Structure formats: structure tokens, C-alpha cells
């Protein structure tokens, strides 16, 4: 018997069309479903973001004319979406990293249930 999929907890933005193309939204949905089922997604689709926190990663989704990033945290009972943004440079902007750290801290200190509502 398979365990139940982990829920997605959105702390920032959603995947909408627009700005995501339909193809990018579908690819993102497939990748998020794999995470919910407990799969580890390797490069080139995901990479660790240890600078944000333990069990934090970045999904990479190539769209028609943009490259999207979805920063997420793998918790014991959920996949926590910390940020969704279009990547325009080689480095992740410091403001994105700082925002993700703050959201992760909020999630950790709020006892999870408060943030999930």
C-alpha cells in the first residue's frame, strides 16, 4: 500500500497561466507530484539550496522565453513552496534567498498548522 502523497503548502505565489505557459505549468505539476510522492528529483530539474536551509531545493522549469525557479522545502509531512520566480541571472538574487529563509523560519516557528491554513 502506498503512503498518501504529501500536501503542497504554498507560502508564496501559485503556478498560474499566464505567466507560466501551459507546457511549463504541466511540467511543474508533474515535478511537484513526484516530490509529493517522495521521489528525489536530481539535476537538471532540481538542485539543493543549502544556503537557504536543510532540505531546501530549487526546481528548474524552462519555459518558452523564461526560466522559472520554484524554491521548496521537503518537510516530514509536506512540500513547502517558499518562492516562485523567473530567473534572469546566473545567481539567485539575495532578496529571494532572504525571503525564503524568513518564510522557512515562519513555517518552522508557527508549528506548521498555523501557516498551512
N, C-alpha and C. Protein backbone atom coordinates (compact mmCIF):
# COMPACT_ATOMS: atom_id res chain seq x y z
N UNK A 1 0.85 -1.18 0.00
CA UNK A 1 0.00 0.00 0.00
C UNK A 1 0.89 1.24 0.00
N UNK A 2 0.56 2.19 -0.82
CA UNK A 2 1.36 3.41 -0.95
C UNK A 2 0.93 4.44 0.09
N UNK A 3 1.94 5.12 0.65
CA UNK A 3 1.64 6.22 1.57
C UNK A 3 0.88 7.31 0.83
N UNK A 4 0.16 8.09 1.57
CA UNK A 4 -0.54 9.24 0.97
C UNK A 4 0.48 10.27 0.51
N UNK A 5 0.16 10.94 -0.57
CA UNK A 5 1.02 12.00 -1.07
C UNK A 5 1.09 13.13 -0.05
N UNK A 6 2.26 13.74 0.06
CA UNK A 6 2.41 14.90 0.93
C UNK A 6 1.67 16.07 0.30
N UNK A 7 1.00 16.88 1.10
CA UNK A 7 0.34 18.06 0.54
C UNK A 7 1.37 19.13 0.17
N UNK A 8 0.97 20.01 -0.72
CA UNK A 8 1.78 21.19 -1.05
C UNK A 8 1.31 22.32 -0.14
N UNK A 9 2.25 23.01 0.46
CA UNK A 9 1.95 24.17 1.29
C UNK A 9 2.56 25.37 0.58
N UNK A 10 1.72 26.29 0.14
CA UNK A 10 2.16 27.46 -0.62
C UNK A 10 2.37 28.64 0.31
N UNK A 11 3.61 29.04 0.51
CA UNK A 11 3.89 30.23 1.30
C UNK A 11 4.07 31.45 0.41
N UNK A 12 4.20 31.22 -0.89
CA UNK A 12 4.39 32.33 -1.82
C UNK A 12 3.96 31.93 -3.21
N UNK A 13 3.06 32.67 -3.79
CA UNK A 13 2.60 32.56 -5.17
C UNK A 13 2.07 31.20 -5.55
N UNK A 14 1.47 31.16 -6.71
CA UNK A 14 0.97 29.92 -7.28
C UNK A 14 1.49 29.81 -8.71
N UNK A 15 1.29 28.66 -9.29
CA UNK A 15 1.68 28.45 -10.68
C UNK A 15 0.45 28.74 -11.53
N UNK A 16 0.45 29.85 -12.22
CA UNK A 16 -0.71 30.25 -13.00
C UNK A 16 -0.33 30.46 -14.47
N UNK A 17 -1.33 30.40 -15.31
CA UNK A 17 -1.15 30.73 -16.71
C UNK A 17 -2.04 31.91 -17.02
N UNK A 18 -1.56 33.04 -17.51
CA UNK A 18 -0.14 33.37 -17.51
C UNK A 18 0.34 33.69 -16.10
N UNK A 19 1.59 33.79 -15.80
CA UNK A 19 2.73 33.93 -16.69
C UNK A 19 3.34 32.62 -17.17
N UNK A 20 3.08 31.49 -16.50
CA UNK A 20 3.60 30.21 -16.99
C UNK A 20 2.85 29.81 -18.25
N UNK A 21 3.58 29.29 -19.22
CA UNK A 21 2.90 28.72 -20.39
C UNK A 21 2.22 27.43 -19.94
N UNK A 22 1.30 26.94 -20.73
CA UNK A 22 0.62 25.69 -20.40
C UNK A 22 1.62 24.55 -20.26
N UNK A 23 2.59 24.48 -21.16
CA UNK A 23 3.59 23.41 -21.13
C UNK A 23 4.42 23.48 -19.85
N UNK A 24 4.86 24.67 -19.46
CA UNK A 24 5.66 24.83 -18.24
C UNK A 24 4.83 24.50 -17.00
N UNK A 25 3.56 24.87 -17.02
CA UNK A 25 2.69 24.57 -15.89
C UNK A 25 2.50 23.06 -15.74
N UNK A 26 2.34 22.36 -16.86
CA UNK A 26 2.19 20.90 -16.82
C UNK A 26 3.47 20.25 -16.31
N UNK A 27 4.62 20.69 -16.82
CA UNK A 27 5.90 20.14 -16.37
C UNK A 27 6.08 20.36 -14.87
N UNK A 28 5.74 21.56 -14.41
CA UNK A 28 5.85 21.87 -12.99
C UNK A 28 4.94 20.97 -12.17
N UNK A 29 3.72 20.76 -12.64
CA UNK A 29 2.79 19.88 -11.94
C UNK A 29 3.31 18.46 -11.82
N UNK A 30 3.92 17.96 -12.88
CA UNK A 30 4.49 16.60 -12.85
C UNK A 30 5.63 16.53 -11.84
N UNK A 31 6.51 17.53 -11.85
CA UNK A 31 7.63 17.54 -10.91
C UNK A 31 7.15 17.65 -9.46
N UNK A 32 6.17 18.52 -9.22
CA UNK A 32 5.65 18.66 -7.86
C UNK A 32 4.96 17.38 -7.39
N UNK A 33 4.24 16.71 -8.28
CA UNK A 33 3.60 15.44 -7.92
C UNK A 33 4.64 14.40 -7.54
N UNK A 34 5.74 14.36 -8.28
CA UNK A 34 6.82 13.42 -7.95
C UNK A 34 7.38 13.70 -6.56
N UNK A 35 7.54 14.99 -6.23
CA UNK A 35 8.00 15.36 -4.89
C UNK A 35 6.99 14.92 -3.83
N UNK A 36 5.72 15.13 -4.11
CA UNK A 36 4.68 14.75 -3.16
C UNK A 36 4.68 13.25 -2.89
N UNK A 37 5.09 12.49 -3.87
CA UNK A 37 5.14 11.03 -3.73
C UNK A 37 6.43 10.54 -3.10
N UNK A 38 7.31 11.47 -2.74
CA UNK A 38 8.54 11.10 -2.04
C UNK A 38 9.75 10.86 -2.91
N UNK A 39 9.65 11.16 -4.21
CA UNK A 39 10.81 10.98 -5.09
C UNK A 39 11.83 12.10 -4.88
N UNK A 40 13.09 11.74 -5.04
CA UNK A 40 14.14 12.75 -5.08
C UNK A 40 14.37 13.09 -6.55
N UNK A 41 14.33 14.37 -6.87
CA UNK A 41 14.49 14.80 -8.25
C UNK A 41 15.91 15.34 -8.41
N UNK A 42 16.71 14.74 -9.30
CA UNK A 42 18.09 15.18 -9.47
C UNK A 42 18.23 16.31 -10.50
N UNK A 43 19.45 16.78 -10.65
CA UNK A 43 19.76 17.72 -11.73
C UNK A 43 19.41 17.06 -13.05
N UNK A 44 19.00 17.74 -14.04
CA UNK A 44 18.96 19.19 -14.18
C UNK A 44 17.66 19.83 -13.69
N UNK A 45 16.71 19.03 -13.18
CA UNK A 45 15.42 19.58 -12.79
C UNK A 45 15.39 20.17 -11.38
N UNK A 46 16.27 19.72 -10.51
CA UNK A 46 16.28 20.21 -9.15
C UNK A 46 17.71 20.20 -8.62
N UNK A 47 17.98 21.17 -7.75
CA UNK A 47 19.29 21.20 -7.11
C UNK A 47 19.12 21.68 -5.67
N UNK A 48 20.01 21.22 -4.77
CA UNK A 48 19.93 21.64 -3.38
C UNK A 48 20.21 23.14 -3.22
N UNK A 49 19.57 23.73 -2.24
CA UNK A 49 19.79 25.14 -1.89
C UNK A 49 20.13 25.20 -0.40
N UNK A 50 21.27 24.62 -0.05
CA UNK A 50 21.69 24.55 1.35
C UNK A 50 21.85 25.93 1.97
N UNK A 51 22.10 26.95 1.16
CA UNK A 51 22.23 28.31 1.67
C UNK A 51 20.94 28.85 2.24
N UNK A 52 19.82 28.23 1.89
CA UNK A 52 18.52 28.64 2.44
C UNK A 52 18.22 27.84 3.70
N UNK A 53 18.47 26.55 3.64
CA UNK A 53 18.21 25.71 4.80
C UNK A 53 18.29 24.24 4.45
N UNK A 54 18.27 23.44 5.50
CA UNK A 54 18.30 21.99 5.33
C UNK A 54 17.06 21.54 4.57
N UNK A 55 17.23 20.62 3.64
CA UNK A 55 16.15 20.05 2.84
C UNK A 55 15.47 21.08 1.94
N UNK A 56 16.19 22.14 1.57
CA UNK A 56 15.68 23.13 0.63
C UNK A 56 16.29 22.88 -0.74
N UNK A 57 15.47 23.06 -1.77
CA UNK A 57 15.89 22.80 -3.14
C UNK A 57 15.26 23.82 -4.07
N UNK A 58 15.72 23.79 -5.31
CA UNK A 58 15.21 24.69 -6.34
C UNK A 58 14.82 23.86 -7.56
N UNK A 59 13.54 23.89 -7.92
CA UNK A 59 13.09 23.26 -9.17
C UNK A 59 13.42 24.21 -10.31
N UNK A 60 13.82 23.64 -11.42
CA UNK A 60 14.15 24.42 -12.61
C UNK A 60 13.17 24.04 -13.72
N UNK A 61 12.44 25.04 -14.21
CA UNK A 61 11.47 24.80 -15.27
C UNK A 61 11.75 25.77 -16.40
N UNK A 62 12.08 25.22 -17.56
CA UNK A 62 12.35 26.05 -18.74
C UNK A 62 11.03 26.32 -19.45
N UNK A 63 10.72 27.59 -19.63
CA UNK A 63 9.51 27.99 -20.34
C UNK A 63 9.94 28.50 -21.71
N UNK A 64 8.99 28.87 -22.52
CA UNK A 64 9.27 29.32 -23.89
C UNK A 64 10.31 30.44 -23.93
N UNK A 65 10.15 31.44 -23.07
CA UNK A 65 11.11 32.56 -23.12
C UNK A 65 11.62 32.95 -21.74
N UNK A 66 11.39 32.11 -20.72
CA UNK A 66 11.86 32.37 -19.37
C UNK A 66 12.30 31.06 -18.71
N UNK A 67 13.12 31.21 -17.71
CA UNK A 67 13.48 30.08 -16.88
C UNK A 67 12.90 30.35 -15.50
N UNK A 68 12.00 29.46 -15.06
CA UNK A 68 11.34 29.62 -13.76
C UNK A 68 12.07 28.81 -12.71
N UNK A 69 12.03 29.33 -11.49
CA UNK A 69 12.56 28.63 -10.33
C UNK A 69 11.48 28.55 -9.27
N UNK A 70 11.41 27.41 -8.63
CA UNK A 70 10.49 27.20 -7.52
C UNK A 70 11.33 26.68 -6.36
N UNK A 71 11.45 27.49 -5.33
CA UNK A 71 12.23 27.11 -4.17
C UNK A 71 11.29 26.38 -3.22
N UNK A 72 11.70 25.18 -2.79
CA UNK A 72 10.84 24.38 -1.94
C UNK A 72 11.64 23.73 -0.81
N UNK A 73 10.91 23.35 0.22
CA UNK A 73 11.48 22.67 1.38
C UNK A 73 10.74 21.34 1.54
N UNK A 74 11.49 20.28 1.76
CA UNK A 74 10.88 18.97 1.98
C UNK A 74 10.75 18.78 3.49
N UNK A 75 9.52 18.83 3.96
CA UNK A 75 9.23 18.61 5.38
C UNK A 75 8.76 17.18 5.54
N UNK A 76 8.70 16.72 6.76
CA UNK A 76 8.28 15.33 7.01
C UNK A 76 6.85 15.08 6.57
N UNK A 77 6.01 16.13 6.58
CA UNK A 77 4.60 15.92 6.25
C UNK A 77 4.08 16.81 5.13
N UNK A 78 4.97 17.53 4.43
CA UNK A 78 4.52 18.43 3.35
C UNK A 78 5.69 18.85 2.48
N UNK A 79 5.35 19.32 1.29
CA UNK A 79 6.30 20.01 0.42
C UNK A 79 5.94 21.49 0.53
N UNK A 80 6.85 22.28 1.03
CA UNK A 80 6.59 23.69 1.32
C UNK A 80 7.17 24.56 0.21
N UNK A 81 6.32 25.27 -0.51
CA UNK A 81 6.76 26.16 -1.59
C UNK A 81 7.10 27.51 -0.97
N UNK A 82 8.38 27.89 -1.07
CA UNK A 82 8.85 29.13 -0.45
C UNK A 82 8.83 30.31 -1.41
N UNK A 83 9.06 30.06 -2.71
CA UNK A 83 9.11 31.16 -3.67
C UNK A 83 9.00 30.62 -5.08
N UNK A 84 8.41 31.42 -5.95
CA UNK A 84 8.34 31.14 -7.39
C UNK A 84 8.80 32.42 -8.08
N UNK A 85 9.80 32.30 -8.96
CA UNK A 85 10.30 33.50 -9.64
C UNK A 85 10.95 33.13 -10.97
N UNK A 86 11.03 34.13 -11.84
CA UNK A 86 11.72 33.97 -13.12
C UNK A 86 13.19 34.28 -12.90
N UNK A 87 14.04 33.37 -13.27
CA UNK A 87 15.48 33.55 -13.08
C UNK A 87 16.03 34.32 -14.26
N UNK A 88 16.70 35.42 -13.97
CA UNK A 88 17.23 36.27 -15.04
C UNK A 88 18.74 36.38 -15.03
N UNK A 89 19.38 35.89 -13.96
CA UNK A 89 20.84 35.93 -13.86
C UNK A 89 21.35 34.56 -13.44
N UNK A 90 22.66 34.38 -13.43
CA UNK A 90 23.25 33.11 -13.02
C UNK A 90 23.05 32.84 -11.53
N UNK A 91 23.06 33.90 -10.74
CA UNK A 91 22.93 33.76 -9.29
C UNK A 91 21.51 34.02 -8.84
N UNK A 92 21.11 33.30 -7.80
CA UNK A 92 19.80 33.57 -7.20
C UNK A 92 19.92 34.89 -6.43
N UNK A 93 19.01 35.84 -6.68
CA UNK A 93 19.10 37.13 -6.01
C UNK A 93 19.08 36.98 -4.48
N UNK A 94 19.88 37.80 -3.81
CA UNK A 94 19.95 37.78 -2.35
C UNK A 94 18.58 38.02 -1.73
N UNK A 95 17.78 38.88 -2.34
CA UNK A 95 16.44 39.15 -1.80
C UNK A 95 15.58 37.88 -1.80
N UNK A 96 15.71 37.05 -2.82
CA UNK A 96 14.95 35.80 -2.89
C UNK A 96 15.42 34.85 -1.79
N UNK A 97 16.74 34.74 -1.62
CA UNK A 97 17.29 33.87 -0.58
C UNK A 97 16.83 34.34 0.80
N UNK A 98 16.92 35.64 1.05
CA UNK A 98 16.49 36.19 2.34
C UNK A 98 15.01 35.96 2.59
N UNK A 99 14.17 36.16 1.58
CA UNK A 99 12.73 35.93 1.72
C UNK A 99 12.43 34.46 2.00
N UNK A 100 13.13 33.57 1.32
CA UNK A 100 12.92 32.13 1.53
C UNK A 100 13.32 31.73 2.95
N UNK A 101 14.44 32.26 3.43
CA UNK A 101 14.87 31.96 4.80
C UNK A 101 13.82 32.43 5.81
N UNK A 102 13.30 33.63 5.60
CA UNK A 102 12.30 34.19 6.51
C UNK A 102 11.02 33.35 6.49
N UNK A 103 10.58 32.93 5.31
CA UNK A 103 9.37 32.12 5.20
C UNK A 103 9.56 30.74 5.84
N UNK A 104 10.75 30.17 5.64
CA UNK A 104 11.05 28.88 6.25
C UNK A 104 11.05 29.00 7.77
N UNK A 105 11.61 30.07 8.28
CA UNK A 105 11.62 30.30 9.73
C UNK A 105 10.19 30.47 10.25
N UNK A 106 9.38 31.22 9.53
CA UNK A 106 7.97 31.39 9.91
C UNK A 106 7.26 30.04 9.95
N UNK A 107 7.49 29.25 8.94
CA UNK A 107 6.87 27.92 8.86
C UNK A 107 7.31 27.06 10.05
N UNK A 108 8.60 27.10 10.37
CA UNK A 108 9.14 26.28 11.46
C UNK A 108 8.61 26.74 12.83
N UNK A 109 8.53 28.03 13.04
CA UNK A 109 8.13 28.54 14.35
C UNK A 109 6.62 28.59 14.54
N UNK A 110 5.86 28.56 13.46
CA UNK A 110 4.40 28.65 13.58
C UNK A 110 3.78 27.28 13.86
N UNK A 111 4.60 26.29 14.06
CA UNK A 111 4.05 24.97 14.35
C UNK A 111 3.36 24.36 13.14
N UNK A 112 3.75 24.77 11.97
CA UNK A 112 3.26 24.27 10.68
C UNK A 112 1.76 24.49 10.47
N UNK A 113 0.94 24.15 11.43
CA UNK A 113 -0.51 24.22 11.24
C UNK A 113 -0.99 25.65 11.01
N UNK A 114 -0.41 26.60 11.70
CA UNK A 114 -0.83 27.98 11.54
C UNK A 114 -0.58 28.48 10.13
N UNK A 115 0.54 28.10 9.55
CA UNK A 115 0.89 28.56 8.22
C UNK A 115 0.09 27.84 7.15
N UNK A 116 -0.29 26.61 7.38
CA UNK A 116 -0.99 25.80 6.38
C UNK A 116 -2.42 26.27 6.15
N UNK A 117 -2.98 27.04 7.04
CA UNK A 117 -4.37 27.49 6.85
C UNK A 117 -4.51 28.44 5.74
